[in-house]
Structures are given as structure tokens and as C-alpha cells.
Amino acid sequence: HNLFLSHFYFTFQFLLLSGFYYTVLEKAKQRRW
């Protein structure tokens, strides 16, 4: 059974892409958001 891995997938995808876009977005309000 591997369905539990989906929770790690979506969580890490959210965290890491949040970090990426925090770096590349230029407006302070967007980064604060």
C-alpha cells in the first residue's frame, strides 16, 4: 500500500515550490503573502 506517499508528495511540493516562488517573486507583498 503506497497511498500514504501522496500526502508527502503534495506537502513537499507545496513547501518547496513556495520556497522557489518566494525567491523569484519580486514584490514584497507577494512574498509576504
Full PDB file with SEQRES, HELIX, SHEET, SSBOND, CRYST1, ORIGX, SCALE, CONECT and MASTER records, all heavy atoms in Angstrom:
SEQRES   1 A   33  HIS ASN LEU PHE LEU SER HIS PHE TYR PHE THR PHE GLN          
SEQRES   2 A   33  PHE LEU LEU LEU SER GLY PHE TYR TYR THR VAL LEU GLU          
SEQRES   3 A   33  LYS ALA LYS GLN ARG ARG TRP                                  
HELIX    1 AA1 LEU A    5  VAL A   24  1                                  20    
HELIX    2 AA2 ALA A   28  ARG A   32  1                                   5    
CRYST1    1.000    1.000    1.000  90.00  90.00  90.00 P 1           1          
ORIGX1      1.000000  0.000000  0.000000        0.00000                         
ORIGX2      0.000000  1.000000  0.000000        0.00000                         
ORIGX3      0.000000  0.000000  1.000000        0.00000                         
SCALE1      1.000000  0.000000  0.000000        0.00000                         
SCALE2      0.000000  1.000000  0.000000        0.00000                         
SCALE3      0.000000  0.000000  1.000000        0.00000                         
ATOM      1  N   HIS A   1       0.841  -1.194   0.000  1.00  0.00           N  
ATOM      2  CA  HIS A   1       0.000   0.000   0.000  1.00  0.00           C  
ATOM      3  C   HIS A   1       0.886   1.258   0.000  1.00  0.00           C  
ATOM      4  O   HIS A   1       1.742   1.416   0.871  1.00  0.00           O  
ATOM      5  CB  HIS A   1      -0.897   0.002   1.242  1.00  0.00           C  
ATOM      6  CG  HIS A   1      -1.761   1.212   1.358  1.00  0.00           C  
ATOM      7  ND1 HIS A   1      -2.893   1.402   0.576  1.00  0.00           N  
ATOM      8  CD2 HIS A   1      -1.668   2.308   2.152  1.00  0.00           C  
ATOM      9  CE1 HIS A   1      -3.451   2.552   0.891  1.00  0.00           C  
ATOM     10  NE2 HIS A   1      -2.744   3.125   1.839  1.00  0.00           N  
ATOM     11  N   ASN A   2       0.678   2.130  -0.978  1.00  0.00           N  
ATOM     12  CA  ASN A   2       1.547   3.307  -1.106  1.00  0.00           C  
ATOM     13  C   ASN A   2       0.784   4.627  -1.180  1.00  0.00           C  
ATOM     14  O   ASN A   2       1.364   5.669  -1.472  1.00  0.00           O  
ATOM     15  CB  ASN A   2       2.448   3.171  -2.342  1.00  0.00           C  
ATOM     16  CG  ASN A   2       1.650   3.033  -3.625  1.00  0.00           C  
ATOM     17  OD1 ASN A   2       0.420   3.113  -3.630  1.00  0.00           O  
ATOM     18  ND2 ASN A   2       2.335   2.826  -4.735  1.00  0.00           N  
ATOM     19  N   LEU A   3      -0.517   4.586  -0.894  1.00  0.00           N  
ATOM     20  CA  LEU A   3      -1.315   5.801  -0.993  1.00  0.00           C  
ATOM     21  C   LEU A   3      -0.856   6.879  -0.016  1.00  0.00           C  
ATOM     22  O   LEU A   3      -0.971   8.076  -0.293  1.00  0.00           O  
ATOM     23  CB  LEU A   3      -2.799   5.483  -0.749  1.00  0.00           C  
ATOM     24  CG  LEU A   3      -3.808   6.610  -1.010  1.00  0.00           C  
ATOM     25  CD1 LEU A   3      -3.697   7.116  -2.451  1.00  0.00           C  
ATOM     26  CD2 LEU A   3      -5.227   6.141  -0.725  1.00  0.00           C  
ATOM     27  N   PHE A   4      -0.290   6.451   1.111  1.00  0.00           N  
ATOM     28  CA  PHE A   4       0.175   7.414   2.115  1.00  0.00           C  
ATOM     29  C   PHE A   4       1.266   8.336   1.563  1.00  0.00           C  
ATOM     30  O   PHE A   4       1.449   9.459   2.035  1.00  0.00           O  
ATOM     31  CB  PHE A   4       0.684   6.693   3.367  1.00  0.00           C  
ATOM     32  CG  PHE A   4       1.964   5.947   3.173  1.00  0.00           C  
ATOM     33  CD1 PHE A   4       3.193   6.553   3.454  1.00  0.00           C  
ATOM     34  CD2 PHE A   4       1.963   4.640   2.697  1.00  0.00           C  
ATOM     35  CE1 PHE A   4       4.389   5.879   3.274  1.00  0.00           C  
ATOM     36  CE2 PHE A   4       3.156   3.952   2.518  1.00  0.00           C  
ATOM     37  CZ  PHE A   4       4.375   4.568   2.805  1.00  0.00           C  
ATOM     38  N   LEU A   5       1.990   7.872   0.541  1.00  0.00           N  
ATOM     39  CA  LEU A   5       3.055   8.695  -0.033  1.00  0.00           C  
ATOM     40  C   LEU A   5       2.506   9.947  -0.710  1.00  0.00           C  
ATOM     41  O   LEU A   5       3.225  10.941  -0.850  1.00  0.00           O  
ATOM     42  CB  LEU A   5       3.867   7.873  -1.042  1.00  0.00           C  
ATOM     43  CG  LEU A   5       4.839   6.835  -0.467  1.00  0.00           C  
ATOM     44  CD1 LEU A   5       5.459   6.018  -1.588  1.00  0.00           C  
ATOM     45  CD2 LEU A   5       5.923   7.507   0.364  1.00  0.00           C  
ATOM     46  N   SER A   6       1.247   9.898  -1.126  1.00  0.00           N  
ATOM     47  CA  SER A   6       0.659  11.069  -1.788  1.00  0.00           C  
ATOM     48  C   SER A   6       0.636  12.273  -0.852  1.00  0.00           C  
ATOM     49  O   SER A   6       0.769  13.415  -1.297  1.00  0.00           O  
ATOM     50  CB  SER A   6      -0.762  10.760  -2.270  1.00  0.00           C  
ATOM     51  OG  SER A   6      -1.636  10.547  -1.171  1.00  0.00           O  
ATOM     52  N   HIS A   7       0.473  12.016   0.457  1.00  0.00           N  
ATOM     53  CA  HIS A   7       0.446  13.120   1.418  1.00  0.00           C  
ATOM     54  C   HIS A   7       1.818  13.812   1.489  1.00  0.00           C  
ATOM     55  O   HIS A   7       1.907  15.030   1.568  1.00  0.00           O  
ATOM     56  CB  HIS A   7       0.043  12.616   2.796  1.00  0.00           C  
ATOM     57  CG  HIS A   7      -1.234  11.814   2.786  1.00  0.00           C  
ATOM     58  ND1 HIS A   7      -2.408  12.319   2.287  1.00  0.00           N  
ATOM     59  CD2 HIS A   7      -1.496  10.549   3.187  1.00  0.00           C  
ATOM     60  CE1 HIS A   7      -3.352  11.397   2.394  1.00  0.00           C  
ATOM     61  NE2 HIS A   7      -2.820  10.308   2.940  1.00  0.00           N  
ATOM     62  N   PHE A   8       2.875  13.000   1.461  1.00  0.00           N  
ATOM     63  CA  PHE A   8       4.229  13.568   1.445  1.00  0.00           C  
ATOM     64  C   PHE A   8       4.484  14.307   0.140  1.00  0.00           C  
ATOM     65  O   PHE A   8       5.113  15.368   0.127  1.00  0.00           O  
ATOM     66  CB  PHE A   8       5.266  12.452   1.621  1.00  0.00           C  
ATOM     67  CG  PHE A   8       5.260  11.822   2.976  1.00  0.00           C  
ATOM     68  CD1 PHE A   8       4.639  10.606   3.203  1.00  0.00           C  
ATOM     69  CD2 PHE A   8       5.880  12.456   4.050  1.00  0.00           C  
ATOM     70  CE1 PHE A   8       4.633  10.028   4.459  1.00  0.00           C  
ATOM     71  CE2 PHE A   8       5.888  11.897   5.314  1.00  0.00           C  
ATOM     72  CZ  PHE A   8       5.252  10.671   5.517  1.00  0.00           C  
ATOM     73  N   TYR A   9       3.974  13.738  -0.953  1.00  0.00           N  
ATOM     74  CA  TYR A   9       4.177  14.348  -2.268  1.00  0.00           C  
ATOM     75  C   TYR A   9       3.585  15.755  -2.317  1.00  0.00           C  
ATOM     76  O   TYR A   9       4.279  16.721  -2.668  1.00  0.00           O  
ATOM     77  CB  TYR A   9       3.547  13.468  -3.348  1.00  0.00           C  
ATOM     78  CG  TYR A   9       3.782  13.973  -4.754  1.00  0.00           C  
ATOM     79  CD1 TYR A   9       4.876  13.527  -5.485  1.00  0.00           C  
ATOM     80  CD2 TYR A   9       2.926  14.901  -5.353  1.00  0.00           C  
ATOM     81  CE1 TYR A   9       5.105  13.984  -6.781  1.00  0.00           C  
ATOM     82  CE2 TYR A   9       3.146  15.369  -6.629  1.00  0.00           C  
ATOM     83  CZ  TYR A   9       4.238  14.903  -7.332  1.00  0.00           C  
ATOM     84  OH  TYR A   9       4.466  15.377  -8.595  1.00  0.00           O  
ATOM     85  N   PHE A  10       2.312  15.874  -1.966  1.00  0.00           N  
ATOM     86  CA  PHE A  10       1.645  17.179  -2.043  1.00  0.00           C  
ATOM     87  C   PHE A  10       2.200  18.172  -1.029  1.00  0.00           C  
ATOM     88  O   PHE A  10       2.309  19.371  -1.319  1.00  0.00           O  
ATOM     89  CB  PHE A  10       0.135  17.015  -1.865  1.00  0.00           C  
ATOM     90  CG  PHE A  10      -0.539  16.401  -3.046  1.00  0.00           C  
ATOM     91  CD1 PHE A  10      -1.045  15.114  -2.979  1.00  0.00           C  
ATOM     92  CD2 PHE A  10      -0.646  17.095  -4.244  1.00  0.00           C  
ATOM     93  CE1 PHE A  10      -1.666  14.534  -4.078  1.00  0.00           C  
ATOM     94  CE2 PHE A  10      -1.256  16.523  -5.356  1.00  0.00           C  
ATOM     95  CZ  PHE A  10      -1.763  15.232  -5.270  1.00  0.00           C  
ATOM     96  N   THR A  11       2.574  17.666   0.160  1.00  0.00           N  
ATOM     97  CA  THR A  11       3.118  18.565   1.191  1.00  0.00           C  
ATOM     98  C   THR A  11       4.475  19.116   0.784  1.00  0.00           C  
ATOM     99  O   THR A  11       4.714  20.332   0.869  1.00  0.00           O  
ATOM    100  CB  THR A  11       3.238  17.834   2.539  1.00  0.00           C  
ATOM    101  OG1 THR A  11       1.941  17.378   2.951  1.00  0.00           O  
ATOM    102  CG2 THR A  11       3.801  18.763   3.610  1.00  0.00           C  
ATOM    103  N   PHE A  12       5.372  18.252   0.342  1.00  0.00           N  
ATOM    104  CA  PHE A  12       6.705  18.713  -0.051  1.00  0.00           C  
ATOM    105  C   PHE A  12       6.649  19.551  -1.322  1.00  0.00           C  
ATOM    106  O   PHE A  12       7.418  20.499  -1.476  1.00  0.00           O  
ATOM    107  CB  PHE A  12       7.650  17.521  -0.232  1.00  0.00           C  
ATOM    108  CG  PHE A  12       8.236  17.019   1.042  1.00  0.00           C  
ATOM    109  CD1 PHE A  12       7.843  15.799   1.581  1.00  0.00           C  
ATOM    110  CD2 PHE A  12       9.182  17.763   1.740  1.00  0.00           C  
ATOM    111  CE1 PHE A  12       8.368  15.338   2.776  1.00  0.00           C  
ATOM    112  CE2 PHE A  12       9.723  17.315   2.935  1.00  0.00           C  
ATOM    113  CZ  PHE A  12       9.313  16.098   3.456  1.00  0.00           C  
ATOM    114  N   GLN A  13       5.742  19.198  -2.234  1.00  0.00           N  
ATOM    115  CA  GLN A  13       5.594  20.016  -3.436  1.00  0.00           C  
ATOM    116  C   GLN A  13       5.187  21.425  -3.048  1.00  0.00           C  
ATOM    117  O   GLN A  13       5.725  22.412  -3.570  1.00  0.00           O  
ATOM    118  CB  GLN A  13       4.541  19.406  -4.365  1.00  0.00           C  
ATOM    119  CG  GLN A  13       4.260  20.248  -5.599  1.00  0.00           C  
ATOM    120  CD  GLN A  13       3.309  19.565  -6.547  1.00  0.00           C  
ATOM    121  OE1 GLN A  13       3.714  19.012  -7.562  1.00  0.00           O  
ATOM    122  NE2 GLN A  13       2.020  19.593  -6.247  1.00  0.00           N  
ATOM    123  N   PHE A  14       4.235  21.540  -2.129  1.00  0.00           N  
ATOM    124  CA  PHE A  14       3.769  22.847  -1.667  1.00  0.00           C  
ATOM    125  C   PHE A  14       4.890  23.626  -0.982  1.00  0.00           C  
ATOM    126  O   PHE A  14       5.114  24.805  -1.275  1.00  0.00           O  
ATOM    127  CB  PHE A  14       2.597  22.650  -0.701  1.00  0.00           C  
ATOM    128  CG  PHE A  14       2.166  23.907  -0.007  1.00  0.00           C  
ATOM    129  CD1 PHE A  14       1.601  24.960  -0.715  1.00  0.00           C  
ATOM    130  CD2 PHE A  14       2.331  24.053   1.362  1.00  0.00           C  
ATOM    131  CE1 PHE A  14       1.214  26.131  -0.074  1.00  0.00           C  
ATOM    132  CE2 PHE A  14       1.938  25.205   2.010  1.00  0.00           C  
ATOM    133  CZ  PHE A  14       1.377  26.251   1.292  1.00  0.00           C  
ATOM    134  N   LEU A  15       5.608  22.981  -0.078  1.00  0.00           N  
ATOM    135  CA  LEU A  15       6.676  23.660   0.669  1.00  0.00           C  
ATOM    136  C   LEU A  15       7.808  24.129  -0.251  1.00  0.00           C  
ATOM    137  O   LEU A  15       8.255  25.278  -0.173  1.00  0.00           O  
ATOM    138  CB  LEU A  15       7.241  22.731   1.744  1.00  0.00           C  
ATOM    139  CG  LEU A  15       6.384  22.539   2.994  1.00  0.00           C  
ATOM    140  CD1 LEU A  15       6.970  21.432   3.864  1.00  0.00           C  
ATOM    141  CD2 LEU A  15       6.285  23.830   3.779  1.00  0.00           C  
ATOM    142  N   LEU A  16       8.274  23.245  -1.108  1.00  0.00           N  
ATOM    143  CA  LEU A  16       9.444  23.556  -1.929  1.00  0.00           C  
ATOM    144  C   LEU A  16       9.125  24.558  -3.041  1.00  0.00           C  
ATOM    145  O   LEU A  16       9.941  25.435  -3.343  1.00  0.00           O  
ATOM    146  CB  LEU A  16      10.023  22.263  -2.506  1.00  0.00           C  
ATOM    147  CG  LEU A  16      10.575  21.300  -1.446  1.00  0.00           C  
ATOM    148  CD1 LEU A  16      10.974  19.970  -2.072  1.00  0.00           C  
ATOM    149  CD2 LEU A  16      11.756  21.913  -0.708  1.00  0.00           C  
ATOM    150  N   LEU A  17       7.958  24.444  -3.640  1.00  0.00           N  
ATOM    151  CA  LEU A  17       7.594  25.434  -4.654  1.00  0.00           C  
ATOM    152  C   LEU A  17       7.254  26.779  -4.021  1.00  0.00           C  
ATOM    153  O   LEU A  17       7.462  27.827  -4.635  1.00  0.00           O  
ATOM    154  CB  LEU A  17       6.422  24.926  -5.503  1.00  0.00           C  
ATOM    155  CG  LEU A  17       6.771  23.810  -6.487  1.00  0.00           C  
ATOM    156  CD1 LEU A  17       5.558  23.395  -7.297  1.00  0.00           C  
ATOM    157  CD2 LEU A  17       7.908  24.227  -7.423  1.00  0.00           C  
ATOM    158  N   SER A  18       6.764  26.765  -2.780  1.00  0.00           N  
ATOM    159  CA  SER A  18       6.571  28.028  -2.055  1.00  0.00           C  
ATOM    160  C   SER A  18       7.915  28.711  -1.856  1.00  0.00           C  
ATOM    161  O   SER A  18       8.047  29.929  -2.027  1.00  0.00           O  
ATOM    162  CB  SER A  18       5.907  27.772  -0.700  1.00  0.00           C  
ATOM    163  OG  SER A  18       4.574  27.316  -0.846  1.00  0.00           O  
ATOM    164  N   GLY A  19       8.932  27.928  -1.499  1.00  0.00           N  
ATOM    165  CA  GLY A  19      10.277  28.475  -1.339  1.00  0.00           C  
ATOM    166  C   GLY A  19      10.829  29.014  -2.636  1.00  0.00           C  
ATOM    167  O   GLY A  19      11.441  30.093  -2.674  1.00  0.00           O  
ATOM    168  N   PHE A  20      10.592  28.277  -3.725  1.00  0.00           N  
ATOM    169  CA  PHE A  20      11.071  28.725  -5.038  1.00  0.00           C  
ATOM    170  C   PHE A  20      10.425  30.048  -5.431  1.00  0.00           C  
ATOM    171  O   PHE A  20      11.116  31.005  -5.824  1.00  0.00           O  
ATOM    172  CB  PHE A  20      10.769  27.660  -6.091  1.00  0.00           C  
ATOM    173  CG  PHE A  20      11.034  28.111  -7.497  1.00  0.00           C  
ATOM    174  CD1 PHE A  20      12.325  28.140  -8.000  1.00  0.00           C  
ATOM    175  CD2 PHE A  20       9.989  28.525  -8.318  1.00  0.00           C  
ATOM    176  CE1 PHE A  20      12.576  28.576  -9.306  1.00  0.00           C  
ATOM    177  CE2 PHE A  20      10.224  28.957  -9.619  1.00  0.00           C  
ATOM    178  CZ  PHE A  20      11.517  28.978 -10.105  1.00  0.00           C  
ATOM    179  N   TYR A  21       9.097  30.126  -5.303  1.00  0.00           N  
ATOM    180  CA  TYR A  21       8.408  31.353  -5.732  1.00  0.00           C  
ATOM    181  C   TYR A  21       8.638  32.514  -4.771  1.00  0.00           C  
ATOM    182  O   TYR A  21       8.575  33.677  -5.181  1.00  0.00           O  
ATOM    183  CB  TYR A  21       6.925  31.080  -5.956  1.00  0.00           C  
ATOM    184  CG  TYR A  21       6.701  30.336  -7.251  1.00  0.00           C  
ATOM    185  CD1 TYR A  21       6.275  29.016  -7.261  1.00  0.00           C  
ATOM    186  CD2 TYR A  21       6.972  30.946  -8.476  1.00  0.00           C  
ATOM    187  CE1 TYR A  21       6.116  28.326  -8.454  1.00  0.00           C  
ATOM    188  CE2 TYR A  21       6.819  30.272  -9.667  1.00  0.00           C  
ATOM    189  CZ  TYR A  21       6.395  28.959  -9.651  1.00  0.00           C  
ATOM    190  OH  TYR A  21       6.257  28.282 -10.837  1.00  0.00           O  
ATOM    191  N   TYR A  22       8.930  32.210  -3.526  1.00  0.00           N  
ATOM    192  CA  TYR A  22       9.313  33.277  -2.602  1.00  0.00           C  
ATOM    193  C   TYR A  22      10.614  33.936  -3.068  1.00  0.00           C  
ATOM    194  O   TYR A  22      10.824  35.135  -2.903  1.00  0.00           O  
ATOM    195  CB  TYR A  22       9.507  32.717  -1.191  1.00  0.00           C  
ATOM    196  CG  TYR A  22       9.899  33.763  -0.174  1.00  0.00           C  
ATOM    197  CD1 TYR A  22       8.934  34.576   0.427  1.00  0.00           C  
ATOM    198  CD2 TYR A  22      11.236  33.949   0.182  1.00  0.00           C  
ATOM    199  CE1 TYR A  22       9.298  35.551   1.348  1.00  0.00           C  
ATOM    200  CE2 TYR A  22      11.605  34.921   1.103  1.00  0.00           C  
ATOM    201  CZ  TYR A  22      10.635  35.717   1.683  1.00  0.00           C  
ATOM    202  OH  TYR A  22      11.001  36.686   2.591  1.00  0.00           O  
ATOM    203  N   THR A  23      11.464  33.141  -3.676  1.00  0.00           N  
ATOM    204  CA  THR A  23      12.755  33.634  -4.171  1.00  0.00           C  
ATOM    205  C   THR A  23      12.620  34.438  -5.461  1.00  0.00           C  
ATOM    206  O   THR A  23      13.283  35.463  -5.638  1.00  0.00           O  
ATOM    207  CB  THR A  23      13.726  32.454  -4.411  1.00  0.00           C  
ATOM    208  OG1 THR A  23      13.887  31.724  -3.196  1.00  0.00           O  
ATOM    209  CG2 THR A  23      15.094  32.946  -4.865  1.00  0.00           C  
ATOM    210  N   VAL A  24      11.752  33.991  -6.373  1.00  0.00           N  
ATOM    211  CA  VAL A  24      11.703  34.633  -7.689  1.00  0.00           C  
ATOM    212  C   VAL A  24      10.681  35.766  -7.797  1.00  0.00           C  
ATOM    213  O   VAL A  24      10.808  36.625  -8.678  1.00  0.00           O  
ATOM    214  CB  VAL A  24      11.427  33.597  -8.809  1.00  0.00           C  
ATOM    215  CG1 VAL A  24      12.554  32.579  -8.878  1.00  0.00           C  
ATOM    216  CG2 VAL A  24      10.078  32.904  -8.601  1.00  0.00           C  
ATOM    217  N   LEU A  25       9.668  35.767  -6.929  1.00  0.00           N  
ATOM    218  CA  LEU A  25       8.709  36.879  -6.972  1.00  0.00           C  
ATOM    219  C   LEU A  25       9.356  38.139  -6.398  1.00  0.00           C  
ATOM    220  O   LEU A  25      10.028  38.083  -5.368  1.00  0.00           O  
ATOM    221  CB  LEU A  25       7.441  36.528  -6.194  1.00  0.00           C  
ATOM    222  CG  LEU A  25       6.517  35.491  -6.851  1.00  0.00           C  
ATOM    223  CD1 LEU A  25       5.366  35.121  -5.934  1.00  0.00           C  
ATOM    224  CD2 LEU A  25       5.985  36.001  -8.188  1.00  0.00           C  
ATOM    225  N   GLU A  26       9.153  39.256  -7.051  1.00  0.00           N  
ATOM    226  CA  GLU A  26       9.872  40.477  -6.697  1.00  0.00           C  
ATOM    227  C   GLU A  26       9.127  41.390  -5.733  1.00  0.00           C  
ATOM    228  O   GLU A  26       9.750  42.116  -4.959  1.00  0.00           O  
ATOM    229  CB  GLU A  26      10.199  41.254  -7.983  1.00  0.00           C  
ATOM    230  CG  GLU A  26      11.115  40.473  -8.926  1.00  0.00           C  
ATOM    231  CD  GLU A  26      11.296  41.169 -10.253  1.00  0.00           C  
ATOM    232  OE1 GLU A  26      10.602  42.201 -10.486  1.00  0.00           O  
ATOM    233  OE2 GLU A  26      12.103  40.696 -11.078  1.00  0.00           O  
ATOM    234  N   LYS A  27       7.801  41.383  -5.764  1.00  0.00           N  
ATOM    235  CA  LYS A  27       7.036  42.295  -4.920  1.00  0.00           C  
ATOM    236  C   LYS A  27       6.997  41.812  -3.470  1.00  0.00           C  
ATOM    237  O   LYS A  27       6.700  40.647  -3.201  1.00  0.00           O  
ATOM    238  CB  LYS A  27       5.616  42.455  -5.460  1.00  0.00           C  
ATOM    239  CG  LYS A  27       5.565  43.155  -6.814  1.00  0.00           C  
ATOM    240  CD  LYS A  27       4.138  43.383  -7.261  1.00  0.00           C  
ATOM    241  CE  LYS A  27       4.097  44.128  -8.599  1.00  0.00           C  
ATOM    242  NZ  LYS A  27       2.705  44.357  -9.067  1.00  0.00           N  
ATOM    243  N   ALA A  28       7.250  42.733  -2.548  1.00  0.00           N  
ATOM    244  CA  ALA A  28       7.293  42.396  -1.127  1.00  0.00           C  
ATOM    245  C   ALA A  28       5.954  41.859  -0.631  1.00  0.00           C  
ATOM    246  O   ALA A  28       5.907  40.933   0.193  1.00  0.00           O  
ATOM    247  CB  ALA A  28       7.699  43.622  -0.309  1.00  0.00           C  
ATOM    248  N   LYS A  29       4.847  42.409  -1.135  1.00  0.00           N  
ATOM    249  CA  LYS A  29       3.517  41.957  -0.708  1.00  0.00           C  
ATOM    250  C   LYS A  29       3.264  40.507  -1.105  1.00  0.00           C  
ATOM    251  O   LYS A  29       2.660  39.742  -0.355  1.00  0.00           O  
ATOM    252  CB  LYS A  29       2.435  42.866  -1.301  1.00  0.00           C  
ATOM    253  CG  LYS A  29       2.366  44.250  -0.675  1.00  0.00           C  
ATOM    254  CD  LYS A  29       1.201  45.048  -1.256  1.00  0.00           C  
ATOM    255  CE  LYS A  29       1.112  46.425  -0.593  1.00  0.00           C  
ATOM    256  NZ  LYS A  29      -0.018  47.228  -1.146  1.00  0.00           N  
ATOM    257  N   GLN A  30       3.734  40.142  -2.281  1.00  0.00           N  
ATOM    258  CA  GLN A  30       3.550  38.767  -2.743  1.00  0.00           C  
ATOM    259  C   GLN A  30       4.392  37.798  -1.912  1.00  0.00           C  
ATOM    260  O   GLN A  30       3.923  36.708  -1.551  1.00  0.00           O  
ATOM    261  CB  GLN A  30       3.929  38.666  -4.224  1.00  0.00           C  
ATOM    262  CG  GLN A  30       3.001  39.440  -5.136  1.00  0.00           C  
ATOM    263  CD  GLN A  30       3.458  39.454  -6.575  1.00  0.00           C  
ATOM    264  OE1 GLN A  30       4.556  38.984  -6.911  1.00  0.00           O  
ATOM    265  NE2 GLN A  30       2.619  39.992  -7.459  1.00  0.00           N  
ATOM    266  N   ARG A  31       5.602  38.205  -1.593  1.00  0.00           N  
ATOM    267  CA  ARG A  31       6.476  37.363  -0.765  1.00  0.00           C  
ATOM    268  C   ARG A  31       5.919  37.235   0.650  1.00  0.00           C  
ATOM    269  O   ARG A  31       5.962  36.153   1.254  1.00  0.00           O  
ATOM    270  CB  ARG A  31       7.886  37.960  -0.746  1.00  0.00           C  
ATOM    271  CG  ARG A  31       8.589  37.886  -2.091  1.00  0.00           C  
ATOM    272  CD  ARG A  31       9.704  38.918  -2.203  1.00  0.00           C  
ATOM    273  NE  ARG A  31      10.801  38.622  -1.307  1.00  0.00           N  
ATOM    274  CZ  ARG A  31      11.931  38.011  -1.668  1.00  0.00           C  
ATOM    275  NH1 ARG A  31      12.079  37.592  -2.917  1.00  0.00           N  
ATOM    276  NH2 ARG A  31      12.899  37.814  -0.810  1.00  0.00           N  
ATOM    277  N   ARG A  32       5.365  38.324   1.156  1.00  0.00           N  
ATOM    278  CA  ARG A  32       4.751  38.290   2.481  1.00  0.00           C  
ATOM    279  C   ARG A  32       3.542  37.370   2.479  1.00  0.00           C  
ATOM    280  O   ARG A  32       3.290  36.646   3.451  1.00  0.00           O  
ATOM    281  CB  ARG A  32       4.353  39.710   2.903  1.00  0.00           C  
ATOM    282  CG  ARG A  32       3.665  39.798   4.271  1.00  0.00           C  
ATOM    283  CD  ARG A  32       4.535  39.244   5.375  1.00  0.00           C  
ATOM    284  NE  ARG A  32       3.870  39.326   6.663  1.00  0.00           N  
ATOM    285  CZ  ARG A  32       4.258  38.648   7.737  1.00  0.00           C  
ATOM    286  NH1 ARG A  32       5.325  37.842   7.671  1.00  0.00           N  
ATOM    287  NH2 ARG A  32       3.606  38.774   8.875  1.00  0.00           N  
ATOM    288  N   TRP A  33       2.790  37.400   1.396  1.00  0.00           N  
ATOM    289  CA  TRP A  33       1.624  36.545   1.264  1.00  0.00           C  
ATOM    290  C   TRP A  33       2.020  35.071   1.324  1.00  0.00           C  
ATOM    291  O   TRP A  33       1.328  34.256   1.952  1.00  0.00           O  
ATOM    292  CB  TRP A  33       0.925  36.871  -0.054  1.00  0.00           C  
ATOM    293  CG  TRP A  33      -0.368  36.133  -0.244  1.00  0.00           C  
ATOM    294  CD1 TRP A  33      -1.547  36.353   0.388  1.00  0.00           C  
ATOM    295  CD2 TRP A  33      -0.586  35.044  -1.138  1.00  0.00           C  
ATOM    296  NE1 TRP A  33      -2.505  35.473  -0.058  1.00  0.00           N  
ATOM    297  CE2 TRP A  33      -1.945  34.658  -0.992  1.00  0.00           C  
ATOM    298  CE3 TRP A  33       0.219  34.363  -2.057  1.00  0.00           C  
ATOM    299  CZ2 TRP A  33      -2.498  33.611  -1.729  1.00  0.00           C  
ATOM    300  CZ3 TRP A  33      -0.342  33.327  -2.784  1.00  0.00           C  
ATOM    301  CH2 TRP A  33      -1.690  32.963  -2.617  1.00  0.00           C  
TER     302      TRP A  33                                                      
MASTER        0    0    0    2    0    0    0    6  301    1    0    3          
END                                                                             
